[in-house]
Amino acid sequence: MKVLYPWPSPETIGLILDPTEKAKVTFVSKDSGAERAGFQSGDEIVSLEGQQILSIADVQWVLHNTPESGTLDAIVRREGNESPLELQLSEGWRRNSHMTWRASAWDLRRMGTGALVLQSLSEDARVQAGLTDAQLGLLVEGMSQYPPHNGAKMAGFQNGDIIVDFDGQTHYMTPSNLLAYSMQNTQPGDSMAVTALRAGERVDLTLTAQ
């Protein structure tokens, strides 16, 4: 999991931090672990798992070295007073992280998706494509054109395709979710059946894991 989701951002546990003000919480995501733990907008995170917090990077360092489940002990400063909080980590919490923006993810994309560059569909685009919120719908924004990184191009993918079935997975996934699925469930040389919408028509493609 650390390889797929390295250096998780605070958003993974439901915290948006002000990058200019020493780990100050600007927003707490609804129904997140952070909200259940009692974090509030305006809190300043003093420490996390005993680590003094001076910046967002310190939070990422703690999260990177945190187990796949368990609790995180935090101390926050609120209205001049310090309070202890305990954040419960749900199983698979790292999967909330977005990893495809990282430079290190490029080689993973080559191996798991033939170097596709994918984007989640907007709500309007989903409606136009006839997809519900529970269905897979990832837009192909681009792909590598040159070997050995051109697996998707060789398989026949085109920019503008909307992937609705990837190796039998038709439920909602983010680009990071799909990449993680491919890396964890396929081996080099495995064939993955993919269905995409292209100009409103379903197109069946076969992608080979590298």
Protein backbone atom coordinates (compact mmCIF):
# COMPACT_ATOMS: atom_id res chain seq x y z
CA MET A 1 0.00 0.00 0.00
CA LYS A 2 2.84 2.41 0.73
CA VAL A 3 4.11 1.94 -2.83
CA LEU A 4 0.70 2.71 -4.36
CA TYR A 5 -0.23 5.48 -1.94
CA PRO A 6 2.99 7.13 -0.70
CA TRP A 7 2.98 10.28 1.44
CA PRO A 8 -0.83 10.57 1.79
CA SER A 9 -2.18 14.10 1.93
CA PRO A 10 -4.21 15.27 4.98
CA GLU A 11 -7.30 15.09 2.73
CA THR A 12 -7.03 11.30 2.98
CA ILE A 13 -8.28 11.48 6.58
CA GLY A 14 -10.67 14.37 5.92
CA LEU A 15 -8.53 17.42 6.70
CA ILE A 16 -7.87 20.43 4.50
CA LEU A 17 -4.98 22.46 5.88
CA ASP A 18 -3.90 26.02 5.20
CA PRO A 19 -0.48 25.73 3.51
CA THR A 20 0.53 29.19 4.75
CA GLU A 21 -0.32 28.81 8.44
CA LYS A 22 1.48 26.00 10.28
CA ALA A 23 -0.98 23.11 9.94
CA LYS A 24 -4.12 25.13 10.55
CA VAL A 25 -7.32 23.27 9.67
CA THR A 26 -9.45 25.18 7.18
CA PHE A 27 -12.04 22.48 6.44
CA VAL A 28 -13.11 19.09 7.82
CA SER A 29 -14.79 16.74 5.34
CA LYS A 30 -18.24 15.49 6.27
CA ASP A 31 -18.44 11.88 7.51
CA SER A 32 -14.64 11.61 7.54
CA GLY A 33 -12.45 10.11 10.22
CA ALA A 34 -11.31 13.61 11.14
CA GLU A 35 -14.89 14.79 11.70
CA ARG A 36 -15.70 11.77 13.86
CA ALA A 37 -12.55 12.43 15.88
CA GLY A 38 -13.75 15.96 16.65
CA PHE A 39 -11.47 18.08 14.46
CA GLN A 40 -12.89 21.51 13.71
CA SER A 41 -12.15 24.28 11.25
CA GLY A 42 -9.71 26.68 12.87
CA ASP A 43 -7.87 24.00 14.86
CA GLU A 44 -4.08 24.12 14.82
CA ILE A 45 -2.56 20.64 14.88
CA VAL A 46 0.16 20.69 17.53
CA SER A 47 1.20 17.05 17.24
CA LEU A 48 0.20 13.80 15.54
CA GLU A 49 1.35 10.47 16.96
CA GLY A 50 3.84 12.41 19.08
CA GLN A 51 5.35 14.18 16.06
CA GLN A 52 5.39 17.97 16.34
CA ILE A 53 3.55 19.42 13.36
CA LEU A 54 5.07 22.44 11.65
CA SER A 55 3.74 21.97 8.13
CA ILE A 56 1.60 19.78 5.88
CA ALA A 57 4.73 17.76 5.09
CA ASP A 58 4.93 16.68 8.74
CA VAL A 59 1.35 15.36 8.55
CA GLN A 60 2.24 13.45 5.38
CA TRP A 61 5.32 11.97 7.06
CA VAL A 62 3.22 10.64 9.95
CA LEU A 63 0.54 9.26 7.59
CA HIS A 64 3.15 7.59 5.38
CA ASN A 65 4.45 5.68 8.43
CA THR A 66 1.02 4.86 9.86
CA PRO A 67 -0.36 1.27 9.84
CA GLU A 68 -3.24 0.25 7.59
CA SER A 69 -5.68 0.46 10.51
CA GLY A 70 -5.76 1.63 14.09
CA THR A 71 -5.81 5.05 15.72
CA LEU A 72 -3.87 8.28 15.51
CA ASP A 73 -3.40 10.39 18.63
CA ALA A 74 -3.50 14.12 17.99
CA ILE A 75 -3.25 17.29 20.02
CA VAL A 76 -4.92 20.40 18.64
CA ARG A 77 -4.87 24.00 19.82
CA ARG A 78 -8.35 25.53 19.83
CA GLU A 79 -9.12 29.01 21.16
CA GLY A 80 -5.84 29.02 23.05
CA ASN A 81 -6.36 25.63 24.70
CA GLU A 82 -4.79 22.29 23.78
CA SER A 83 -7.06 19.26 23.47
CA PRO A 84 -6.29 15.59 22.76
CA LEU A 85 -8.17 13.85 19.93
CA GLU A 86 -8.16 10.24 18.77
CA LEU A 87 -8.70 9.54 15.10
CA GLN A 88 -9.86 6.05 14.15
CA LEU A 89 -8.48 4.83 10.81
CA SER A 90 -10.82 2.63 8.82
CA GLU A 91 -9.46 -0.39 6.94
CA GLY A 92 -8.13 0.74 3.57
CA TRP A 93 -8.00 4.42 4.52
CA ARG A 94 -5.01 4.98 2.21
CA ARG A 95 -7.23 4.31 -0.82
CA ASN A 96 -8.76 7.77 -0.28
CA SER A 97 -5.47 9.22 -1.47
CA HIS A 98 -5.06 10.56 -4.99
CA MET A 99 -1.81 9.33 -6.46
CA THR A 100 -2.02 9.78 -10.22
CA TRP A 101 -0.67 13.34 -10.04
CA ARG A 102 2.65 12.07 -8.68
CA ALA A 103 5.61 11.70 -11.05
CA SER A 104 6.23 8.29 -9.48
CA ALA A 105 2.82 7.12 -10.74
CA TRP A 106 3.82 7.40 -14.41
CA ASP A 107 5.52 4.01 -14.51
CA LEU A 108 2.57 2.48 -12.63
CA ARG A 109 0.21 3.88 -15.29
CA ARG A 110 2.34 2.30 -17.99
CA MET A 111 2.17 -1.10 -16.31
CA GLY A 112 -1.45 -1.04 -15.17
CA THR A 113 -3.33 0.96 -17.80
CA GLY A 114 -1.06 1.17 -20.81
CA ALA A 115 -0.16 4.76 -19.82
CA LEU A 116 -3.70 6.14 -19.97
CA VAL A 117 -4.29 9.59 -18.51
CA LEU A 118 -7.76 9.43 -16.96
CA GLN A 119 -10.14 11.93 -15.39
CA SER A 120 -13.34 11.44 -13.40
CA LEU A 121 -16.43 12.58 -15.27
CA SER A 122 -18.23 15.68 -14.09
CA GLU A 123 -21.82 15.36 -12.93
CA ASP A 124 -23.12 16.89 -16.17
CA ALA A 125 -20.95 14.58 -18.29
CA ARG A 126 -22.27 11.57 -16.38
CA VAL A 127 -25.84 12.57 -17.08
CA GLN A 128 -25.05 13.10 -20.74
CA ALA A 129 -23.41 9.67 -20.95
CA GLY A 130 -26.36 8.01 -19.20
CA LEU A 131 -24.31 6.95 -16.17
CA THR A 132 -25.34 7.00 -12.52
CA ASP A 133 -23.11 8.08 -9.65
CA ALA A 134 -22.55 4.41 -8.76
CA GLN A 135 -21.18 3.45 -12.19
CA LEU A 136 -17.66 3.56 -13.54
CA GLY A 137 -17.10 6.52 -15.82
CA LEU A 138 -13.54 7.65 -16.52
CA LEU A 139 -12.64 9.95 -19.37
CA VAL A 140 -9.52 9.21 -21.43
CA GLU A 141 -7.70 12.56 -21.57
CA GLY A 142 -4.55 11.26 -23.19
CA MET A 143 -2.00 8.48 -23.49
CA SER A 144 1.62 7.95 -24.34
CA GLN A 145 2.33 7.73 -28.06
CA TYR A 146 5.70 6.01 -28.01
CA PRO A 147 6.92 2.53 -26.99
CA PRO A 148 7.31 1.00 -24.51
CA HIS A 149 4.71 3.31 -22.95
CA ASN A 150 2.07 3.08 -25.67
CA GLY A 151 0.11 0.02 -24.58
CA ALA A 152 -3.22 1.87 -24.53
CA LYS A 153 -2.63 3.38 -27.96
CA MET A 154 -1.81 -0.04 -29.42
CA ALA A 155 -4.98 -1.44 -27.83
CA GLY A 156 -7.06 1.10 -29.76
CA PHE A 157 -7.99 3.64 -27.07
CA GLN A 158 -8.80 7.16 -28.23
CA ASN A 159 -8.94 10.49 -26.45
CA GLY A 160 -12.52 11.16 -25.40
CA ASP A 161 -13.35 7.51 -24.71
CA ILE A 162 -15.31 6.96 -21.50
CA ILE A 163 -14.35 3.74 -19.71
CA VAL A 164 -17.45 2.05 -18.24
CA ASP A 165 -16.09 -1.47 -17.65
CA PHE A 166 -12.51 -2.29 -16.73
CA ASP A 167 -11.69 -5.98 -16.28
CA GLY A 168 -15.23 -6.63 -15.06
CA GLN A 169 -15.26 -3.66 -12.69
CA THR A 170 -18.25 -1.43 -13.42
CA HIS A 171 -18.67 0.37 -10.09
CA TYR A 172 -17.56 3.93 -9.42
CA MET A 173 -13.80 4.38 -9.17
CA THR A 174 -11.47 7.37 -9.30
CA PRO A 175 -8.44 7.21 -11.61
CA SER A 176 -6.35 6.33 -8.54
CA ASN A 177 -8.77 3.56 -7.55
CA LEU A 178 -8.62 2.02 -11.04
CA LEU A 179 -4.83 2.17 -11.17
CA ALA A 180 -4.58 0.57 -7.73
CA TYR A 181 -7.01 -2.19 -8.78
CA SER A 182 -4.97 -2.98 -11.88
CA MET A 183 -1.65 -3.04 -10.02
CA GLN A 184 -3.02 -5.31 -7.28
CA ASN A 185 -5.04 -7.72 -9.41
CA THR A 186 -3.08 -8.26 -12.62
CA GLN A 187 0.30 -9.60 -13.63
CA PRO A 188 2.44 -8.60 -16.62
CA GLY A 189 0.97 -10.20 -19.73
CA ASP A 190 -2.57 -10.48 -18.34
CA SER A 191 -5.34 -9.37 -20.70
CA MET A 192 -8.01 -6.99 -19.38
CA ALA A 193 -11.31 -6.57 -21.18
CA VAL A 194 -12.34 -2.91 -21.29
CA THR A 195 -15.56 -1.37 -22.56
CA ALA A 196 -15.66 2.30 -23.45
CA LEU A 197 -18.27 4.70 -24.75
CA ARG A 198 -17.15 6.43 -27.93
CA ALA A 199 -19.53 8.94 -29.49
CA GLY A 200 -22.35 7.20 -27.63
CA GLU A 201 -21.48 3.72 -28.89
CA ARG A 202 -19.98 0.90 -26.81
CA VAL A 203 -16.52 -0.20 -27.93
CA ASP A 204 -14.82 -3.36 -26.63
CA LEU A 205 -11.05 -3.22 -26.21
CA THR A 206 -8.37 -5.51 -24.78
CA LEU A 207 -5.56 -4.01 -22.71
CA THR A 208 -2.44 -6.00 -21.79
CA ALA A 209 -0.78 -5.39 -18.43
CA GLN A 210 2.95 -4.75 -18.68
